[in-house]
Amino acid sequence: MTEKVRIAQLSCGPEYSGVQKEIDEAAAMVDAEIFFPDIMLADVRKGFDEFGLDVRSPDLKLAIARARALVDGRIDADAVFSAAISMRTPTFPSSPTPSPSARRPGRCSPGWRP
């Protein structure tokens, strides 16, 4: 029996949007294992400072720190799946203008507050 391919998931919003089940099913179809890299809170703080992008979303900060741990070689993975999933409703010319909070960059989690 061969070892499963280990895929590190760097994502923002898949649980809330209902996409996580699809990601897990796709991994199972190719006999792969999806995992979330384990990091420390200090990694989140350090990664945020070193990355140089001022994001407000805690989920996005966590994804950045996890990516940094992979790049630095502290986490071992065969592959990486990266996604930012938004639940915002698309606007069309006949639609009302979205609220200012819906247009803020770096917002991935539904519980985000300024």
PDB file of N, CA and C in Angstrom:
ATOM      1  N   MET A   1       0.840  -1.189   0.000  1.00  0.00           N
ATOM      2  CA  MET A   1       0.000   0.000   0.000  1.00  0.00           C
ATOM      3  C   MET A   1       0.881   1.248   0.000  1.00  0.00           C
ATOM      4  N   THR A   2       0.576   2.183  -0.852  1.00  0.00           N
ATOM      5  CA  THR A   2       1.359   3.414  -0.942  1.00  0.00           C
ATOM      6  C   THR A   2       0.862   4.440   0.069  1.00  0.00           C
ATOM      7  N   GLU A   3       1.745   5.360   0.413  1.00  0.00           N
ATOM      8  CA  GLU A   3       1.360   6.437   1.331  1.00  0.00           C
ATOM      9  C   GLU A   3       0.477   7.438   0.602  1.00  0.00           C
ATOM     10  N   LYS A   4      -0.437   8.030   1.359  1.00  0.00           N
ATOM     11  CA  LYS A   4      -1.305   9.053   0.784  1.00  0.00           C
ATOM     12  C   LYS A   4      -0.513  10.321   0.522  1.00  0.00           C
ATOM     13  N   VAL A   5      -0.888  11.024  -0.522  1.00  0.00           N
ATOM     14  CA  VAL A   5      -0.309  12.333  -0.800  1.00  0.00           C
ATOM     15  C   VAL A   5      -0.858  13.291   0.253  1.00  0.00           C
ATOM     16  N   ARG A   6       0.025  14.035   0.911  1.00  0.00           N
ATOM     17  CA  ARG A   6      -0.387  14.977   1.953  1.00  0.00           C
ATOM     18  C   ARG A   6      -0.498  16.377   1.347  1.00  0.00           C
ATOM     19  N   ILE A   7      -1.711  16.938   1.383  1.00  0.00           N
ATOM     20  CA  ILE A   7      -1.981  18.244   0.800  1.00  0.00           C
ATOM     21  C   ILE A   7      -2.291  19.229   1.913  1.00  0.00           C
ATOM     22  N   ALA A   8      -1.458  20.245   2.041  1.00  0.00           N
ATOM     23  CA  ALA A   8      -1.682  21.302   3.033  1.00  0.00           C
ATOM     24  C   ALA A   8      -2.739  22.257   2.494  1.00  0.00           C
ATOM     25  N   GLN A   9      -3.755  22.514   3.293  1.00  0.00           N
ATOM     26  CA  GLN A   9      -4.819  23.421   2.864  1.00  0.00           C
ATOM     27  C   GLN A   9      -4.613  24.797   3.481  1.00  0.00           C
ATOM     28  N   LEU A  10      -4.491  25.796   2.617  1.00  0.00           N
ATOM     29  CA  LEU A  10      -4.393  27.194   3.018  1.00  0.00           C
ATOM     30  C   LEU A  10      -5.640  27.859   2.454  1.00  0.00           C
ATOM     31  N   SER A  11      -6.603  28.110   3.311  1.00  0.00           N
ATOM     32  CA  SER A  11      -7.871  28.607   2.786  1.00  0.00           C
ATOM     33  C   SER A  11      -8.521  29.590   3.740  1.00  0.00           C
ATOM     34  N   CYS A  12      -9.505  30.251   3.206  1.00  0.00           N
ATOM     35  CA  CYS A  12     -10.231  31.269   3.933  1.00  0.00           C
ATOM     36  C   CYS A  12     -11.704  31.169   3.522  1.00  0.00           C
ATOM     37  N   GLY A  13     -12.541  30.625   4.395  1.00  0.00           N
ATOM     38  CA  GLY A  13     -13.972  30.596   4.134  1.00  0.00           C
ATOM     39  C   GLY A  13     -14.609  29.322   3.622  1.00  0.00           C
ATOM     40  N   PRO A  14     -13.894  28.178   3.475  1.00  0.00           N
ATOM     41  CA  PRO A  14     -14.550  27.015   2.888  1.00  0.00           C
ATOM     42  C   PRO A  14     -15.605  26.355   3.783  1.00  0.00           C
ATOM     43  N   GLU A  15     -15.431  26.440   5.088  1.00  0.00           N
ATOM     44  CA  GLU A  15     -16.415  25.839   5.983  1.00  0.00           C
ATOM     45  C   GLU A  15     -17.722  26.614   5.917  1.00  0.00           C
ATOM     46  N   TYR A  16     -17.624  27.908   6.001  1.00  0.00           N
ATOM     47  CA  TYR A  16     -18.807  28.768   5.997  1.00  0.00           C
ATOM     48  C   TYR A  16     -19.566  28.668   4.681  1.00  0.00           C
ATOM     49  N   SER A  17     -18.830  28.561   3.595  1.00  0.00           N
ATOM     50  CA  SER A  17     -19.462  28.537   2.275  1.00  0.00           C
ATOM     51  C   SER A  17     -19.981  27.157   1.894  1.00  0.00           C
ATOM     52  N   GLY A  18     -19.602  26.133   2.638  1.00  0.00           N
ATOM     53  CA  GLY A  18     -20.032  24.778   2.326  1.00  0.00           C
ATOM     54  C   GLY A  18     -19.140  24.071   1.322  1.00  0.00           C
ATOM     55  N   VAL A  19     -18.021  24.663   0.989  1.00  0.00           N
ATOM     56  CA  VAL A  19     -17.114  24.098  -0.012  1.00  0.00           C
ATOM     57  C   VAL A  19     -16.166  23.050   0.593  1.00  0.00           C
ATOM     58  N   GLN A  20     -15.953  23.086   1.905  1.00  0.00           N
ATOM     59  CA  GLN A  20     -14.998  22.173   2.531  1.00  0.00           C
ATOM     60  C   GLN A  20     -15.328  20.710   2.232  1.00  0.00           C
ATOM     61  N   LYS A  21     -16.588  20.362   2.241  1.00  0.00           N
ATOM     62  CA  LYS A  21     -16.997  18.983   1.943  1.00  0.00           C
ATOM     63  C   LYS A  21     -16.548  18.591   0.538  1.00  0.00           C
ATOM     64  N   GLU A  22     -16.667  19.513  -0.406  1.00  0.00           N
ATOM     65  CA  GLU A  22     -16.243  19.245  -1.784  1.00  0.00           C
ATOM     66  C   GLU A  22     -14.728  19.043  -1.864  1.00  0.00           C
ATOM     67  N   ILE A  23     -13.994  19.828  -1.110  1.00  0.00           N
ATOM     68  CA  ILE A  23     -12.529  19.702  -1.085  1.00  0.00           C
ATOM     69  C   ILE A  23     -12.146  18.336  -0.525  1.00  0.00           C
ATOM     70  N   ASP A  24     -12.780  17.942   0.583  1.00  0.00           N
ATOM     71  CA  ASP A  24     -12.493  16.651   1.203  1.00  0.00           C
ATOM     72  C   ASP A  24     -12.840  15.494   0.265  1.00  0.00           C
ATOM     73  N   GLU A  25     -13.973  15.602  -0.429  1.00  0.00           N
ATOM     74  CA  GLU A  25     -14.382  14.548  -1.362  1.00  0.00           C
ATOM     75  C   GLU A  25     -13.414  14.445  -2.541  1.00  0.00           C
ATOM     76  N   ALA A  26     -12.954  15.570  -3.044  1.00  0.00           N
ATOM     77  CA  ALA A  26     -12.004  15.560  -4.157  1.00  0.00           C
ATOM     78  C   ALA A  26     -10.691  14.898  -3.736  1.00  0.00           C
ATOM     79  N   ALA A  27     -10.227  15.197  -2.528  1.00  0.00           N
ATOM     80  CA  ALA A  27      -8.997  14.580  -2.024  1.00  0.00           C
ATOM     81  C   ALA A  27      -9.179  13.067  -1.879  1.00  0.00           C
ATOM     82  N   ALA A  28     -10.323  12.656  -1.381  1.00  0.00           N
ATOM     83  CA  ALA A  28     -10.596  11.225  -1.205  1.00  0.00           C
ATOM     84  C   ALA A  28     -10.621  10.493  -2.552  1.00  0.00           C
ATOM     85  N   MET A  29     -11.086  11.165  -3.583  1.00  0.00           N
ATOM     86  CA  MET A  29     -11.165  10.549  -4.916  1.00  0.00           C
ATOM     87  C   MET A  29      -9.786  10.176  -5.457  1.00  0.00           C
ATOM     88  N   VAL A  30      -8.755  10.904  -5.056  1.00  0.00           N
ATOM     89  CA  VAL A  30      -7.400  10.613  -5.523  1.00  0.00           C
ATOM     90  C   VAL A  30      -6.536  10.024  -4.410  1.00  0.00           C
ATOM     91  N   ASP A  31      -7.206   9.565  -3.349  1.00  0.00           N
ATOM     92  CA  ASP A  31      -6.542   8.936  -2.203  1.00  0.00           C
ATOM     93  C   ASP A  31      -5.491   9.869  -1.578  1.00  0.00           C
ATOM     94  N   ALA A  32      -5.879  11.117  -1.391  1.00  0.00           N
ATOM     95  CA  ALA A  32      -4.993  12.106  -0.770  1.00  0.00           C
ATOM     96  C   ALA A  32      -5.536  12.494   0.606  1.00  0.00           C
ATOM     97  N   GLU A  33      -4.677  13.089   1.397  1.00  0.00           N
ATOM     98  CA  GLU A  33      -5.046  13.555   2.734  1.00  0.00           C
ATOM     99  C   GLU A  33      -4.913  15.073   2.784  1.00  0.00           C
ATOM    100  N   ILE A  34      -6.011  15.754   3.103  1.00  0.00           N
ATOM    101  CA  ILE A  34      -5.981  17.204   3.290  1.00  0.00           C
ATOM    102  C   ILE A  34      -5.675  17.469   4.762  1.00  0.00           C
ATOM    103  N   PHE A  35      -4.761  18.396   5.030  1.00  0.00           N
ATOM    104  CA  PHE A  35      -4.502  18.755   6.423  1.00  0.00           C
ATOM    105  C   PHE A  35      -4.253  20.254   6.534  1.00  0.00           C
ATOM    106  N   PHE A  36      -4.491  20.773   7.721  1.00  0.00           N
ATOM    107  CA  PHE A  36      -4.230  22.178   8.024  1.00  0.00           C
ATOM    108  C   PHE A  36      -2.923  22.237   8.800  1.00  0.00           C
ATOM    109  N   PRO A  37      -1.915  22.941   8.296  1.00  0.00           N
ATOM    110  CA  PRO A  37      -0.633  23.014   9.011  1.00  0.00           C
ATOM    111  C   PRO A  37      -0.797  23.587  10.417  1.00  0.00           C
ATOM    112  N   ASP A  38      -0.206  22.904  11.394  1.00  0.00           N
ATOM    113  CA  ASP A  38      -0.241  23.368  12.778  1.00  0.00           C
ATOM    114  C   ASP A  38       0.842  24.415  12.997  1.00  0.00           C
ATOM    115  N   ILE A  39       0.445  25.541  13.550  1.00  0.00           N
ATOM    116  CA  ILE A  39       1.393  26.608  13.853  1.00  0.00           C
ATOM    117  C   ILE A  39       1.057  27.191  15.218  1.00  0.00           C
ATOM    118  N   MET A  40       1.930  28.033  15.719  1.00  0.00           N
ATOM    119  CA  MET A  40       1.742  28.697  17.014  1.00  0.00           C
ATOM    120  C   MET A  40       1.209  30.110  16.784  1.00  0.00           C
ATOM    121  N   LEU A  41       0.618  30.692  17.812  1.00  0.00           N
ATOM    122  CA  LEU A  41       0.131  32.066  17.731  1.00  0.00           C
ATOM    123  C   LEU A  41       1.271  33.027  17.398  1.00  0.00           C
ATOM    124  N   ALA A  42       2.448  32.751  17.926  1.00  0.00           N
ATOM    125  CA  ALA A  42       3.612  33.596  17.622  1.00  0.00           C
ATOM    126  C   ALA A  42       3.905  33.583  16.120  1.00  0.00           C
ATOM    127  N   ASP A  43       3.657  32.443  15.455  1.00  0.00           N
ATOM    128  CA  ASP A  43       3.859  32.363  14.005  1.00  0.00           C
ATOM    129  C   ASP A  43       2.901  33.292  13.268  1.00  0.00           C
ATOM    130  N   VAL A  44       1.668  33.384  13.765  1.00  0.00           N
ATOM    131  CA  VAL A  44       0.677  34.268  13.142  1.00  0.00           C
ATOM    132  C   VAL A  44       1.141  35.710  13.274  1.00  0.00           C
ATOM    133  N   ARG A  45       1.563  36.088  14.469  1.00  0.00           N
ATOM    134  CA  ARG A  45       2.021  37.472  14.693  1.00  0.00           C
ATOM    135  C   ARG A  45       3.273  37.780  13.885  1.00  0.00           C
ATOM    136  N   LYS A  46       4.222  36.860  13.884  1.00  0.00           N
ATOM    137  CA  LYS A  46       5.471  37.065  13.156  1.00  0.00           C
ATOM    138  C   LYS A  46       5.216  37.075  11.646  1.00  0.00           C
ATOM    139  N   GLY A  47       4.414  36.129  11.174  1.00  0.00           N
ATOM    140  CA  GLY A  47       4.115  36.044   9.749  1.00  0.00           C
ATOM    141  C   GLY A  47       3.413  37.277   9.238  1.00  0.00           C
ATOM    142  N   PHE A  48       2.513  37.817  10.050  1.00  0.00           N
ATOM    143  CA  PHE A  48       1.786  39.021   9.662  1.00  0.00           C
ATOM    144  C   PHE A  48       2.748  40.198   9.526  1.00  0.00           C
ATOM    145  N   ASP A  49       3.664  40.349  10.467  1.00  0.00           N
ATOM    146  CA  ASP A  49       4.634  41.443  10.414  1.00  0.00           C
ATOM    147  C   ASP A  49       5.592  41.296   9.231  1.00  0.00           C
ATOM    148  N   GLU A  50       6.058  40.075   8.975  1.00  0.00           N
ATOM    149  CA  GLU A  50       7.023  39.847   7.900  1.00  0.00           C
ATOM    150  C   GLU A  50       6.387  39.909   6.512  1.00  0.00           C
ATOM    151  N   PHE A  51       5.124  39.527   6.411  1.00  0.00           N
ATOM    152  CA  PHE A  51       4.470  39.495   5.105  1.00  0.00           C
ATOM    153  C   PHE A  51       4.241  40.897   4.562  1.00  0.00           C
ATOM    154  N   GLY A  52       3.944  41.838   5.444  1.00  0.00           N
ATOM    155  CA  GLY A  52       3.828  43.228   5.039  1.00  0.00           C
ATOM    156  C   GLY A  52       2.497  43.635   4.437  1.00  0.00           C
ATOM    157  N   LEU A  53       1.468  42.830   4.616  1.00  0.00           N
ATOM    158  CA  LEU A  53       0.146  43.163   4.109  1.00  0.00           C
ATOM    159  C   LEU A  53      -0.798  43.320   5.286  1.00  0.00           C
ATOM    160  N   ASP A  54      -1.446  44.456   5.383  1.00  0.00           N
ATOM    161  CA  ASP A  54      -2.335  44.744   6.501  1.00  0.00           C
ATOM    162  C   ASP A  54      -3.720  44.172   6.206  1.00  0.00           C
ATOM    163  N   VAL A  55      -3.972  42.944   6.680  1.00  0.00           N
ATOM    164  CA  VAL A  55      -5.272  42.319   6.494  1.00  0.00           C
ATOM    165  C   VAL A  55      -6.003  42.300   7.831  1.00  0.00           C
ATOM    166  N   ARG A  56      -7.307  42.357   7.777  1.00  0.00           N
ATOM    167  CA  ARG A  56      -8.097  42.369   9.005  1.00  0.00           C
ATOM    168  C   ARG A  56      -8.673  41.004   9.347  1.00  0.00           C
ATOM    169  N   SER A  57      -8.783  40.146   8.379  1.00  0.00           N
ATOM    170  CA  SER A  57      -9.380  38.832   8.580  1.00  0.00           C
ATOM    171  C   SER A  57      -8.455  37.914   9.378  1.00  0.00           C
ATOM    172  N   PRO A  58      -8.919  37.403  10.517  1.00  0.00           N
ATOM    173  CA  PRO A  58      -8.104  36.442  11.271  1.00  0.00           C
ATOM    174  C   PRO A  58      -7.828  35.176  10.449  1.00  0.00           C
ATOM    175  N   ASP A  59      -8.794  34.753   9.635  1.00  0.00           N
ATOM    176  CA  ASP A  59      -8.597  33.563   8.804  1.00  0.00           C
ATOM    177  C   ASP A  59      -7.492  33.782   7.780  1.00  0.00           C
ATOM    178  N   LEU A  60      -7.460  34.965   7.194  1.00  0.00           N
ATOM    179  CA  LEU A  60      -6.432  35.259   6.199  1.00  0.00           C
ATOM    180  C   LEU A  60      -5.061  35.384   6.862  1.00  0.00           C
ATOM    181  N   LYS A  61      -5.003  35.959   8.055  1.00  0.00           N
ATOM    182  CA  LYS A  61      -3.737  36.026   8.794  1.00  0.00           C
ATOM    183  C   LYS A  61      -3.217  34.619   9.086  1.00  0.00           C
ATOM    184  N   LEU A  62      -4.127  33.732   9.467  1.00  0.00           N
ATOM    185  CA  LEU A  62      -3.751  32.348   9.746  1.00  0.00           C
ATOM    186  C   LEU A  62      -3.243  31.661   8.483  1.00  0.00           C
ATOM    187  N   ALA A  63      -3.911  31.862   7.357  1.00  0.00           N
ATOM    188  CA  ALA A  63      -3.476  31.265   6.095  1.00  0.00           C
ATOM    189  C   ALA A  63      -2.092  31.770   5.695  1.00  0.00           C
ATOM    190  N   ILE A  64      -1.831  33.053   5.910  1.00  0.00           N
ATOM    191  CA  ILE A  64      -0.515  33.620   5.593  1.00  0.00           C
ATOM    192  C   ILE A  64       0.558  32.979   6.465  1.00  0.00           C
ATOM    193  N   ALA A  65       0.283  32.830   7.745  1.00  0.00           N
ATOM    194  CA  ALA A  65       1.259  32.219   8.664  1.00  0.00           C
ATOM    195  C   ALA A  65       1.506  30.754   8.302  1.00  0.00           C
ATOM    196  N   ARG A  66       0.457  30.044   7.932  1.00  0.00           N
ATOM    197  CA  ARG A  66       0.618  28.644   7.522  1.00  0.00           C
ATOM    198  C   ARG A  66       1.451  28.551   6.249  1.00  0.00           C
ATOM    199  N   ALA A  67       1.221  29.459   5.310  1.00  0.00           N
ATOM    200  CA  ALA A  67       2.004  29.478   4.076  1.00  0.00           C
ATOM    201  C   ALA A  67       3.471  29.743   4.377  1.00  0.00           C
ATOM    202  N   ARG A  68       3.709  30.656   5.280  1.00  0.00           N
ATOM    203  CA  ARG A  68       5.092  30.986   5.662  1.00  0.00           C
ATOM    204  C   ARG A  68       5.796  29.768   6.266  1.00  0.00           C
ATOM    205  N   ALA A  69       5.078  29.017   7.103  1.00  0.00           N
ATOM    206  CA  ALA A  69       5.656  27.819   7.713  1.00  0.00           C
ATOM    207  C   ALA A  69       6.009  26.774   6.649  1.00  0.00           C
ATOM    208  N   LEU A  70       5.183  26.666   5.619  1.00  0.00           N
ATOM    209  CA  LEU A  70       5.477  25.739   4.520  1.00  0.00           C
ATOM    210  C   LEU A  70       6.698  26.194   3.730  1.00  0.00           C
ATOM    211  N   VAL A  71       6.750  27.479   3.417  1.00  0.00           N
ATOM    212  CA  VAL A  71       7.870  28.023   2.647  1.00  0.00           C
ATOM    213  C   VAL A  71       9.179  27.890   3.422  1.00  0.00           C
ATOM    214  N   ASP A  72       9.118  28.107   4.728  1.00  0.00           N
ATOM    215  CA  ASP A  72      10.306  28.013   5.572  1.00  0.00           C
ATOM    216  C   ASP A  72      10.741  26.565   5.826  1.00  0.00           C
ATOM    217  N   GLY A  73       9.913  25.593   5.434  1.00  0.00           N
ATOM    218  CA  GLY A  73      10.264  24.191   5.609  1.00  0.00           C
ATOM    219  C   GLY A  73       9.946  23.624   6.982  1.00  0.00           C
ATOM    220  N   ARG A  74       9.181  24.339   7.794  1.00  0.00           N
ATOM    221  CA  ARG A  74       8.825  23.838   9.125  1.00  0.00           C
ATOM    222  C   ARG A  74       7.657  22.861   9.078  1.00  0.00           C
ATOM    223  N   ILE A  75       6.930  22.856   7.980  1.00  0.00           N
ATOM    224  CA  ILE A  75       5.811  21.940   7.754  1.00  0.00           C
ATOM    225  C   ILE A  75       6.110  21.158   6.479  1.00  0.00           C
ATOM    226  N   ASP A  76       5.907  19.852   6.538  1.00  0.00           N
ATOM    227  CA  ASP A  76       6.167  19.003   5.384  1.00  0.00           C
ATOM    228  C   ASP A  76       4.855  18.665   4.681  1.00  0.00           C
ATOM    229  N   ALA A  77       4.799  18.920   3.387  1.00  0.00           N
ATOM    230  CA  ALA A  77       3.620  18.604   2.583  1.00  0.00           C
ATOM    231  C   ALA A  77       4.056  18.229   1.175  1.00  0.00           C
ATOM    232  N   ASP A  78       3.275  17.355   0.554  1.00  0.00           N
ATOM    233  CA  ASP A  78       3.551  16.967  -0.830  1.00  0.00           C
ATOM    234  C   ASP A  78       2.989  17.982  -1.816  1.00  0.00           C
ATOM    235  N   ALA A  79       1.923  18.676  -1.400  1.00  0.00           N
ATOM    236  CA  ALA A  79       1.262  19.650  -2.264  1.00  0.00           C
ATOM    237  C   ALA A  79       0.549  20.667  -1.380  1.00  0.00           C
ATOM    238  N   VAL A  80       0.106  21.751  -2.006  1.00  0.00           N
ATOM    239  CA  VAL A  80      -0.624  22.800  -1.290  1.00  0.00           C
ATOM    240  C   VAL A  80      -1.876  23.147  -2.076  1.00  0.00           C
ATOM    241  N   PHE A  81      -2.995  23.253  -1.365  1.00  0.00           N
ATOM    242  CA  PHE A  81      -4.242  23.740  -1.946  1.00  0.00           C
ATOM    243  C   PHE A  81      -4.518  25.093  -1.303  1.00  0.00           C
ATOM    244  N   SER A  82      -4.597  26.126  -2.114  1.00  0.00           N
ATOM    245  CA  SER A  82      -4.809  27.480  -1.612  1.00  0.00           C
ATOM    246  C   SER A  82      -6.086  28.056  -2.220  1.00  0.00           C
ATOM    247  N   ALA A  83      -6.947  28.616  -1.344  1.00  0.00           N
ATOM    248  CA  ALA A  83      -8.197  29.181  -1.838  1.00  0.00           C
ATOM    249  C   ALA A  83      -8.698  30.259  -0.887  1.00  0.00           C
ATOM    250  N   ALA A  84      -9.295  31.284  -1.463  1.00  0.00           N
ATOM    251  CA  ALA A  84     -10.006  32.308  -0.696  1.00  0.00           C
ATOM    252  C   ALA A  84     -11.426  32.323  -1.238  1.00  0.00           C
ATOM    253  N   ILE A  85     -12.364  31.937  -0.409  1.00  0.00           N
ATOM    254  CA  ILE A  85     -13.744  31.785  -0.845  1.00  0.00           C
ATOM    255  C   ILE A  85     -14.585  32.876  -0.209  1.00  0.00           C
ATOM    256  N   SER A  86     -15.283  33.603  -1.030  1.00  0.00           N
ATOM    257  CA  SER A  86     -16.095  34.719  -0.553  1.00  0.00           C
ATOM    258  C   SER A  86     -17.563  34.383  -0.706  1.00  0.00           C
ATOM    259  N   MET A  87     -18.352  34.783   0.277  1.00  0.00           N
ATOM    260  CA  MET A  87     -19.795  34.558   0.224  1.00  0.00           C
ATOM    261  C   MET A  87     -20.531  35.825  -0.200  1.00  0.00           C
ATOM    262  N   ARG A  88     -19.815  36.803  -0.688  1.00  0.00           N
ATOM    263  CA  ARG A  88     -20.459  38.039  -1.119  1.00  0.00           C
ATOM    264  C   ARG A  88     -21.343  37.794  -2.325  1.00  0.00           C
ATOM    265  N   THR A  89     -22.448  38.477  -2.373  1.00  0.00           N
ATOM    266  CA  THR A  89     -23.345  38.396  -3.509  1.00  0.00           C
ATOM    267  C   THR A  89     -22.802  39.281  -4.614  1.00  0.00           C
ATOM    268  N   PRO A  90     -22.686  38.737  -5.838  1.00  0.00           N
ATOM    269  CA  PRO A  90     -22.183  39.580  -6.920  1.00  0.00           C
ATOM    270  C   PRO A  90     -23.166  40.710  -7.213  1.00  0.00           C
ATOM    271  N   THR A  91     -22.614  41.827  -7.609  1.00  0.00           N
ATOM    272  CA  THR A  91     -23.476  42.959  -7.956  1.00  0.00           C
ATOM    273  C   THR A  91     -23.530  43.108  -9.458  1.00  0.00           C
ATOM    274  N   PHE A  92     -24.676  43.482  -9.927  1.00  0.00           N
ATOM    275  CA  PHE A  92     -24.902  43.695 -11.342  1.00  0.00           C
ATOM    276  C   PHE A  92     -25.374  45.132 -11.518  1.00  0.00           C
ATOM    277  N   PRO A  93     -25.353  45.676 -12.718  1.00  0.00           N
ATOM    278  CA  PRO A  93     -25.742  47.078 -12.915  1.00  0.00           C
ATOM    279  C   PRO A  93     -27.103  47.431 -12.313  1.00  0.00           C
ATOM    280  N   SER A  94     -28.043  46.510 -12.304  1.00  0.00           N
ATOM    281  CA  SER A  94     -29.365  46.816 -11.759  1.00  0.00           C
ATOM    282  C   SER A  94     -29.440  46.589 -10.247  1.00  0.00           C
ATOM    283  N   SER A  95     -28.362  46.028  -9.652  1.00  0.00           N
ATOM    284  CA  SER A  95     -28.352  45.751  -8.215  1.00  0.00           C
ATOM    285  C   SER A  95     -27.934  46.981  -7.441  1.00  0.00           C
ATOM    286  N   PRO A  96     -28.380  47.091  -6.193  1.00  0.00           N
ATOM    287  CA  PRO A  96     -27.917  48.200  -5.368  1.00  0.00           C
ATOM    288  C   PRO A  96     -26.423  48.074  -5.076  1.00  0.00           C
ATOM    289  N   THR A  97     -25.779  49.161  -4.782  1.00  0.00           N
ATOM    290  CA  THR A  97     -24.363  49.170  -4.454  1.00  0.00           C
ATOM    291  C   THR A  97     -24.151  48.432  -3.143  1.00  0.00           C
ATOM    292  N   PRO A  98     -23.137  47.549  -3.072  1.00  0.00           N
ATOM    293  CA  PRO A  98     -22.895  46.834  -1.815  1.00  0.00           C
ATOM    294  C   PRO A  98     -22.461  47.794  -0.718  1.00  0.00           C
ATOM    295  N   SER A  99     -22.686  47.368   0.509  1.00  0.00           N
ATOM    296  CA  SER A  99     -22.308  48.207   1.647  1.00  0.00           C
ATOM    297  C   SER A  99     -20.791  48.360   1.681  1.00  0.00           C
ATOM    298  N   PRO A 100     -20.279  49.434   2.299  1.00  0.00           N
ATOM    299  CA  PRO A 100     -18.824  49.622   2.358  1.00  0.00           C
ATOM    300  C   PRO A 100     -18.106  48.448   3.007  1.00  0.00           C
ATOM    301  N   SER A 101     -18.721  47.805   4.009  1.00  0.00           N
ATOM    302  CA  SER A 101     -18.046  46.692   4.671  1.00  0.00           C
ATOM    303  C   SER A 101     -17.895  45.503   3.735  1.00  0.00           C
ATOM    304  N   ALA A 102     -18.776  45.349   2.762  1.00  0.00           N
ATOM    305  CA  ALA A 102     -18.679  44.235   1.820  1.00  0.00           C
ATOM    306  C   ALA A 102     -17.564  44.447   0.810  1.00  0.00           C
ATOM    307  N   ARG A 103     -17.068  45.678   0.685  1.00  0.00           N
ATOM    308  CA  ARG A 103     -16.018  45.979  -0.292  1.00  0.00           C
ATOM    309  C   ARG A 103     -14.648  46.080   0.346  1.00  0.00           C
ATOM    310  N   ARG A 104     -14.521  45.808   1.621  1.00  0.00           N
ATOM    311  CA  ARG A 104     -13.219  45.935   2.284  1.00  0.00           C
ATOM    312  C   ARG A 104     -12.290  44.809   1.867  1.00  0.00           C
ATOM    313  N   PRO A 105     -11.045  45.124   1.529  1.00  0.00           N
ATOM    314  CA  PRO A 105     -10.097  44.077   1.168  1.00  0.00           C
ATOM    315  C   PRO A 105      -9.675  43.294   2.402  1.00  0.00           C
ATOM    316  N   GLY A 106      -9.294  42.044   2.195  1.00  0.00           N
ATOM    317  CA  GLY A 106      -8.788  41.234   3.296  1.00  0.00           C
ATOM    318  C   GLY A 106      -9.875  40.674   4.178  1.00  0.00           C
ATOM    319  N   ARG A 107     -11.113  40.665   3.717  1.00  0.00           N
ATOM    320  CA  ARG A 107     -12.228  40.154   4.525  1.00  0.00           C
ATOM    321  C   ARG A 107     -12.618  38.784   3.996  1.00  0.00           C
ATOM    322  N   CYS A 108     -12.395  37.745   4.794  1.00  0.00           N
ATOM    323  CA  CYS A 108     -12.752  36.401   4.365  1.00  0.00           C
ATOM    324  C   CYS A 108     -13.754  35.753   5.300  1.00  0.00           C
ATOM    325  N   SER A 109     -13.696  36.038   6.571  1.00  0.00           N
ATOM    326  CA  SER A 109     -14.554  35.320   7.500  1.00  0.00           C
ATOM    327  C   SER A 109     -15.853  36.061   7.748  1.00  0.00           C
ATOM    328  N   PRO A 110     -16.966  35.318   7.893  1.00  0.00           N
ATOM    329  CA  PRO A 110     -18.272  35.962   8.087  1.00  0.00           C
ATOM    330  C   PRO A 110     -18.378  36.723   9.401  1.00  0.00           C
ATOM    331  N   GLY A 111     -17.560  36.384  10.388  1.00  0.00           N
ATOM    332  CA  GLY A 111     -17.621  37.055  11.679  1.00  0.00           C
ATOM    333  C   GLY A 111     -16.730  38.270  11.782  1.00  0.00           C
ATOM    334  N   TRP A 112     -16.153  38.681  10.661  1.00  0.00           N
ATOM    335  CA  TRP A 112     -15.205  39.791  10.660  1.00  0.00           C
ATOM    336  C   TRP A 112     -15.891  41.095  11.053  1.00  0.00           C
ATOM    337  N   ARG A 113     -15.253  41.873  11.862  1.00  0.00           N
ATOM    338  CA  ARG A 113     -15.742  43.188  12.251  1.00  0.00           C
ATOM    339  C   ARG A 113     -14.596  44.183  12.208  1.00  0.00           C
ATOM    340  N   PRO A 114     -14.862  45.429  11.779  1.00  0.00           N
ATOM    341  CA  PRO A 114     -13.764  46.421  11.723  1.00  0.00           C
ATOM    342  C   PRO A 114     -13.290  46.788  13.110  1.00  0.00           C
TER     343      PRO A 114
END
